[in-house]
C-alpha cells in the first residue's frame, strides 16, 4: 500500500476524511520542526511527529514470506486491522471520536 492508500483506508475505517493536501517533504519537515518547538514551550504533545515526517519520505515494503514459511503465519485483511486499531484508539481516548460516533467493527 502507498501512504495515500493507507490514509484512505484509515479514513474509511474511521468515517473521517483523509488528508487532501500533499506537501513537499522539506516543507512538511520544516512545519514539523516549527510545531515541535512551539509544543515544547507550551508543554504539549506535537501533532506533527518528526519521525513520521522523516519516514514518510521513504517507500517501505514488507515481505512476510519467511513468517508464512517458518511459522505458518497468515496475514489478515489490512482494512479490518485498521478498523480494529482505529476503534481501539478512539475508545481509549488516543484519538478524537468522529462526529457521527465510534465506527462499528465486524
C-alpha atoms as a PDB file:
ATOM      1  CA  UNK A   1       0.000   0.000   0.000  1.00  0.00           C
ATOM      2  CA  UNK A   2       1.152   3.507  -0.662  1.00  0.00           C
ATOM      3  CA  UNK A   3       0.909   6.070   2.125  1.00  0.00           C
ATOM      4  CA  UNK A   4      -2.090   7.611   0.312  1.00  0.00           C
ATOM      5  CA  UNK A   5      -3.822   4.214   0.130  1.00  0.00           C
ATOM      6  CA  UNK A   6      -3.125   3.643   3.826  1.00  0.00           C
ATOM      7  CA  UNK A   7      -4.519   7.062   4.790  1.00  0.00           C
ATOM      8  CA  UNK A   8      -7.598   6.456   2.630  1.00  0.00           C
ATOM      9  CA  UNK A   9      -8.146   3.081   4.341  1.00  0.00           C
ATOM     10  CA  UNK A  10      -7.851   4.716   7.786  1.00  0.00           C
ATOM     11  CA  UNK A  11     -10.369   7.341   6.645  1.00  0.00           C
ATOM     12  CA  UNK A  12     -12.814   4.621   5.599  1.00  0.00           C
ATOM     13  CA  UNK A  13     -12.289   2.820   8.921  1.00  0.00           C
ATOM     14  CA  UNK A  14     -12.970   5.947  10.971  1.00  0.00           C
ATOM     15  CA  UNK A  15     -15.501   7.728   8.807  1.00  0.00           C
ATOM     16  CA  UNK A  16     -13.211  10.761   8.733  1.00  0.00           C
ATOM     17  CA  UNK A  17     -11.668  12.323   5.645  1.00  0.00           C
ATOM     18  CA  UNK A  18      -8.118  11.573   4.574  1.00  0.00           C
ATOM     19  CA  UNK A  19      -5.644  14.420   4.074  1.00  0.00           C
ATOM     20  CA  UNK A  20      -6.200  16.343   0.836  1.00  0.00           C
ATOM     21  CA  UNK A  21      -3.015  18.397   0.714  1.00  0.00           C
ATOM     22  CA  UNK A  22       0.293  16.907  -0.350  1.00  0.00           C
ATOM     23  CA  UNK A  23       3.283  18.905   0.866  1.00  0.00           C
ATOM     24  CA  UNK A  24       6.846  18.701  -0.385  1.00  0.00           C
ATOM     25  CA  UNK A  25       8.950  16.768   2.128  1.00  0.00           C
ATOM     26  CA  UNK A  26      11.121  19.762   3.056  1.00  0.00           C
ATOM     27  CA  UNK A  27       8.055  21.896   3.807  1.00  0.00           C
ATOM     28  CA  UNK A  28       6.495  19.132   5.925  1.00  0.00           C
ATOM     29  CA  UNK A  29       9.776  18.741   7.817  1.00  0.00           C
ATOM     30  CA  UNK A  30      10.002  22.498   8.406  1.00  0.00           C
ATOM     31  CA  UNK A  31       6.402  22.549   9.664  1.00  0.00           C
ATOM     32  CA  UNK A  32       7.216  19.613  11.937  1.00  0.00           C
ATOM     33  CA  UNK A  33      10.250  21.333  13.449  1.00  0.00           C
ATOM     34  CA  UNK A  34       8.303  24.574  13.974  1.00  0.00           C
ATOM     35  CA  UNK A  35       5.328  22.832  15.547  1.00  0.00           C
ATOM     36  CA  UNK A  36       7.556  20.656  17.763  1.00  0.00           C
ATOM     37  CA  UNK A  37       9.410  23.761  19.027  1.00  0.00           C
ATOM     38  CA  UNK A  38       6.121  25.513  19.854  1.00  0.00           C
ATOM     39  CA  UNK A  39       4.810  22.411  21.625  1.00  0.00           C
ATOM     40  CA  UNK A  40       7.986  22.151  23.689  1.00  0.00           C
ATOM     41  CA  UNK A  41       7.385  25.687  25.007  1.00  0.00           C
ATOM     42  CA  UNK A  42       3.674  25.019  25.583  1.00  0.00           C
ATOM     43  CA  UNK A  43       4.441  21.601  27.119  1.00  0.00           C
ATOM     44  CA  UNK A  44       2.047  19.615  24.967  1.00  0.00           C
ATOM     45  CA  UNK A  45       2.321  16.765  22.503  1.00  0.00           C
ATOM     46  CA  UNK A  46       3.060  17.712  18.881  1.00  0.00           C
ATOM     47  CA  UNK A  47       0.577  16.792  16.170  1.00  0.00           C
ATOM     48  CA  UNK A  48       3.345  16.507  13.557  1.00  0.00           C
ATOM     49  CA  UNK A  49       5.751  13.799  14.757  1.00  0.00           C
ATOM     50  CA  UNK A  50       9.183  14.368  13.218  1.00  0.00           C
ATOM     51  CA  UNK A  51       9.891  10.654  12.876  1.00  0.00           C
ATOM     52  CA  UNK A  52       6.640  10.244  10.963  1.00  0.00           C
ATOM     53  CA  UNK A  53       7.619  13.032   8.559  1.00  0.00           C
ATOM     54  CA  UNK A  54      11.072  11.508   8.098  1.00  0.00           C
ATOM     55  CA  UNK A  55       9.678   8.022   7.486  1.00  0.00           C
ATOM     56  CA  UNK A  56       7.046   9.276   5.014  1.00  0.00           C
ATOM     57  CA  UNK A  57       9.865  10.163   2.641  1.00  0.00           C
ATOM     58  CA  UNK A  58      10.790   6.530   2.020  1.00  0.00           C
ATOM     59  CA  UNK A  59       8.981   3.700   0.325  1.00  0.00           C
ATOM     60  CA  UNK A  60       8.845   0.749   2.693  1.00  0.00           C
ATOM     61  CA  UNK A  61       7.901  -2.783   1.820  1.00  0.00           C
ATOM     62  CA  UNK A  62       7.001  -5.770   3.943  1.00  0.00           C
ATOM     63  CA  UNK A  63       7.623  -9.355   2.987  1.00  0.00           C
ATOM     64  CA  UNK A  64       6.036 -11.863   5.351  1.00  0.00           C
ATOM     65  CA  UNK A  65       7.028 -14.950   3.317  1.00  0.00           C
ATOM     66  CA  UNK A  66       9.512 -16.102   5.964  1.00  0.00           C
ATOM     67  CA  UNK A  67       6.867 -15.864   8.702  1.00  0.00           C
ATOM     68  CA  UNK A  68       4.476 -17.786   6.445  1.00  0.00           C
ATOM     69  CA  UNK A  69       7.075 -20.445   5.735  1.00  0.00           C
ATOM     70  CA  UNK A  70       8.528 -20.866   9.219  1.00  0.00           C
ATOM     71  CA  UNK A  71       5.598 -20.009  11.477  1.00  0.00           C
ATOM     72  CA  UNK A  72       2.550 -20.671   9.350  1.00  0.00           C
ATOM     73  CA  UNK A  73       1.592 -17.009   9.591  1.00  0.00           C
ATOM     74  CA  UNK A  74      -1.495 -15.881   7.685  1.00  0.00           C
ATOM     75  CA  UNK A  75      -1.871 -12.175   7.076  1.00  0.00           C
ATOM     76  CA  UNK A  76      -5.341 -10.810   7.667  1.00  0.00           C
ATOM     77  CA  UNK A  77      -7.254  -8.105   5.861  1.00  0.00           C
ATOM     78  CA  UNK A  78      -5.493  -4.736   6.185  1.00  0.00           C
ATOM     79  CA  UNK A  79      -8.700  -2.692   6.228  1.00  0.00           C
ATOM     80  CA  UNK A  80     -10.183  -4.837   9.017  1.00  0.00           C
ATOM     81  CA  UNK A  81      -6.984  -4.477  11.063  1.00  0.00           C
ATOM     82  CA  UNK A  82      -7.029  -0.698  10.570  1.00  0.00           C
ATOM     83  CA  UNK A  83     -10.681  -0.578  11.632  1.00  0.00           C
ATOM     84  CA  UNK A  84      -9.881  -2.522  14.825  1.00  0.00           C
ATOM     85  CA  UNK A  85      -6.911  -0.253  15.557  1.00  0.00           C
ATOM     86  CA  UNK A  86      -8.933   2.926  14.914  1.00  0.00           C
ATOM     87  CA  UNK A  87     -11.705   1.671  17.179  1.00  0.00           C
ATOM     88  CA  UNK A  88      -9.201   0.946  19.965  1.00  0.00           C
ATOM     89  CA  UNK A  89      -7.580   4.391  19.680  1.00  0.00           C
ATOM     90  CA  UNK A  90     -10.973   6.111  19.768  1.00  0.00           C
ATOM     91  CA  UNK A  91     -12.328   4.009  22.646  1.00  0.00           C
ATOM     92  CA  UNK A  92      -9.154   4.613  24.689  1.00  0.00           C
ATOM     93  CA  UNK A  93      -9.224   8.384  24.019  1.00  0.00           C
ATOM     94  CA  UNK A  94      -5.996   8.432  21.998  1.00  0.00           C
ATOM     95  CA  UNK A  95      -7.946   9.775  19.010  1.00  0.00           C
ATOM     96  CA  UNK A  96     -10.998  12.018  18.872  1.00  0.00           C
ATOM     97  CA  UNK A  97     -14.376  10.418  18.362  1.00  0.00           C
ATOM     98  CA  UNK A  98     -15.813  11.097  14.908  1.00  0.00           C
ATOM     99  CA  UNK A  99     -18.840  13.409  14.862  1.00  0.00           C
ATOM    100  CA  UNK A 100     -21.084  10.549  13.751  1.00  0.00           C
ATOM    101  CA  UNK A 101     -19.954   8.242  16.576  1.00  0.00           C
ATOM    102  CA  UNK A 102     -17.444   5.444  17.031  1.00  0.00           C
ATOM    103  CA  UNK A 103     -17.206   3.200  13.964  1.00  0.00           C
ATOM    104  CA  UNK A 104     -18.554  -0.304  14.330  1.00  0.00           C
ATOM    105  CA  UNK A 105     -16.199  -3.185  13.698  1.00  0.00           C
ATOM    106  CA  UNK A 106     -17.143  -6.594  12.382  1.00  0.00           C
END
